[in-house]
Protein backbone atom coordinates (compact mmCIF):
# COMPACT_ATOMS: atom_id res chain seq x y z
CA UNK A 1 0.00 0.00 0.00
CA UNK A 2 1.42 3.38 -0.99
CA UNK A 3 -0.16 5.22 1.94
CA UNK A 4 1.25 3.02 4.68
CA UNK A 5 2.76 4.82 7.62
CA UNK A 6 6.38 4.51 8.65
CA UNK A 7 6.52 3.92 12.39
CA UNK A 8 9.88 5.73 12.57
CA UNK A 9 7.99 8.98 11.90
CA UNK A 10 6.07 8.69 15.17
CA UNK A 11 6.79 9.24 18.83
CA UNK A 12 7.40 6.76 21.62
CA UNK A 13 3.73 6.12 22.41
CA UNK A 14 2.68 5.10 18.90
CA UNK A 15 5.79 2.91 18.54
CA UNK A 16 5.16 1.29 21.93
CA UNK A 17 1.50 0.60 21.10
CA UNK A 18 2.56 -0.93 17.78
CA UNK A 19 4.94 -3.24 19.61
CA UNK A 20 2.20 -4.25 22.05
CA UNK A 21 -0.35 -4.79 19.26
CA UNK A 22 2.07 -6.85 17.17
CA UNK A 23 2.77 -9.17 20.09
CA UNK A 24 -0.80 -9.53 21.31
CA UNK A 25 -3.78 -11.62 20.29
CA UNK A 26 -6.12 -8.98 21.68
CA UNK A 27 -7.90 -6.49 19.46
CA UNK A 28 -7.95 -3.64 21.97
CA UNK A 29 -4.85 -2.07 23.50
CA UNK A 30 -4.79 0.56 26.22
CA UNK A 31 -2.35 3.30 27.04
CA UNK A 32 -2.70 3.34 30.82
CA UNK A 33 -2.31 6.34 33.10
CA UNK A 34 0.25 4.25 34.99
CA UNK A 35 2.49 4.42 31.92
CA UNK A 36 2.99 8.09 32.80
CA UNK A 37 3.07 7.89 36.59
CA UNK A 38 5.71 5.14 36.39
CA UNK A 39 7.92 7.31 34.19
CA UNK A 40 7.66 5.11 31.10
CA UNK A 41 6.26 8.09 29.17
CA UNK A 42 6.61 11.84 29.77
CA UNK A 43 4.46 14.91 29.20
CA UNK A 44 6.45 15.51 26.01
CA UNK A 45 5.60 11.98 24.83
CA UNK A 46 1.91 12.75 25.41
CA UNK A 47 2.09 15.99 23.41
CA UNK A 48 3.86 14.17 20.59
CA UNK A 49 1.16 11.47 20.68
CA UNK A 50 -1.62 14.06 20.33
CA UNK A 51 0.23 15.55 17.37
CA UNK A 52 0.72 12.10 15.83
CA UNK A 53 -3.01 11.35 16.07
CA UNK A 54 -3.92 14.72 14.55
CA UNK A 55 -1.44 14.21 11.71
CA UNK A 56 -2.79 10.72 10.94
CA UNK A 57 -6.34 12.08 10.87
CA UNK A 58 -5.44 14.90 8.49
CA UNK A 59 -3.23 12.93 6.10
CA UNK A 60 -5.13 9.71 5.46
CA UNK A 61 -8.60 9.60 3.92
CA UNK A 62 -11.14 7.21 5.39
CA UNK A 63 -11.05 4.65 2.60
CA UNK A 64 -7.28 4.05 2.74
CA UNK A 65 -6.85 3.00 6.35
CA UNK A 66 -8.77 1.18 9.03
CA UNK A 67 -8.25 2.40 12.54
CA UNK A 68 -9.90 3.35 15.75
CA UNK A 69 -7.99 5.48 18.22
CA UNK A 70 -9.79 6.93 21.24
CA UNK A 71 -8.36 9.75 23.34
CA UNK A 72 -10.84 10.47 26.17
CA UNK A 73 -9.22 13.70 27.45
CA UNK A 74 -6.73 16.32 26.25
CA UNK A 75 -4.58 15.62 29.31
CA UNK A 76 -3.97 12.01 30.33
CA UNK A 77 -4.42 13.01 33.99
CA UNK A 78 -8.03 14.00 33.28
CA UNK A 79 -9.01 10.65 31.77
CA UNK A 80 -11.27 8.44 33.89
CA UNK A 81 -9.87 4.99 33.14
CA UNK A 82 -7.12 5.01 30.51
CA UNK A 83 -5.16 7.65 28.63
CA UNK A 84 -5.94 6.22 25.17
CA UNK A 85 -7.31 3.10 23.54
CA UNK A 86 -6.32 1.53 20.25
CA UNK A 87 -9.00 -0.71 18.80
CA UNK A 88 -9.27 -3.47 16.24
CA UNK A 89 -7.25 -2.86 13.14
CA UNK A 90 -4.79 -0.24 14.39
CA UNK A 91 -2.03 -2.20 12.66
CA UNK A 92 -3.57 -1.45 9.23
CA UNK A 93 -2.26 2.08 9.56
CA UNK A 94 1.20 0.60 9.19
CA UNK A 95 0.19 -1.87 6.46
CA UNK A 96 0.33 -4.96 8.61
CA UNK A 97 -1.40 -8.10 7.39
CA UNK A 98 -5.17 -7.62 7.58
CA UNK A 99 -7.32 -9.89 9.67
CA UNK A 100 -9.25 -12.27 7.43
CA UNK A 101 -12.98 -11.53 7.39
CA UNK A 102 -15.16 -14.37 6.09
CA UNK A 103 -17.60 -13.34 3.34
CA UNK A 104 -20.58 -14.11 5.57
CA UNK A 105 -19.29 -11.85 8.38
CA UNK A 106 -20.04 -8.16 8.32
CA UNK A 107 -16.99 -5.92 8.72
CA UNK A 108 -16.87 -4.42 12.22
CA UNK A 109 -17.01 -0.82 11.02
CA UNK A 110 -18.66 1.12 8.21
CA UNK A 111 -16.58 3.45 6.01
CA UNK A 112 -17.16 6.84 7.57
CA UNK A 113 -15.37 9.36 9.71
CA UNK A 114 -16.85 9.79 13.14
CA UNK A 115 -19.33 12.65 12.97
CA UNK A 116 -19.05 13.36 16.69
CA UNK A 117 -16.31 15.98 16.25
CA UNK A 118 -16.61 16.90 12.57
CA UNK A 119 -16.71 20.58 13.59
CA UNK A 120 -12.92 20.51 14.02
CA UNK A 121 -11.21 20.79 10.61
CA UNK A 122 -9.10 17.65 10.17
CA UNK A 123 -9.38 17.13 13.94
CA UNK A 124 -6.38 19.46 14.33
CA UNK A 125 -7.93 21.36 17.22
CA UNK A 126 -8.35 18.03 19.02
CA UNK A 127 -11.77 18.40 20.66
CA UNK A 128 -12.22 15.68 23.23
CA UNK A 129 -13.07 12.93 23.49
CA UNK A 130 -11.50 12.43 20.06
CA UNK A 131 -12.61 9.36 18.16
CA UNK A 132 -10.85 8.68 14.88
CA UNK A 133 -12.44 6.03 12.71
CA UNK A 134 -10.99 5.28 9.30
CA UNK A 135 -11.78 2.29 7.12
CA UNK A 136 -9.94 0.59 4.26
CA UNK A 137 -12.19 -0.50 1.40
CA UNK A 138 -12.36 -4.29 1.10
CA UNK A 139 -11.06 -5.64 -2.25
Foldseek 3Di string as FASTA:
>chain_A
DVQADDCVVAADVVVVVLVVVVPDPDFKDFAAPVCDVVPVDHPVRLVRVLVVVLVLLQPDAQAQFFWKKWAADSDQVPDDTTRIMTGGVHVVSRPDDDDDDDPVDDPPDDRDFDPPPVVDVSCVVVDPRDIGGGHHDDD
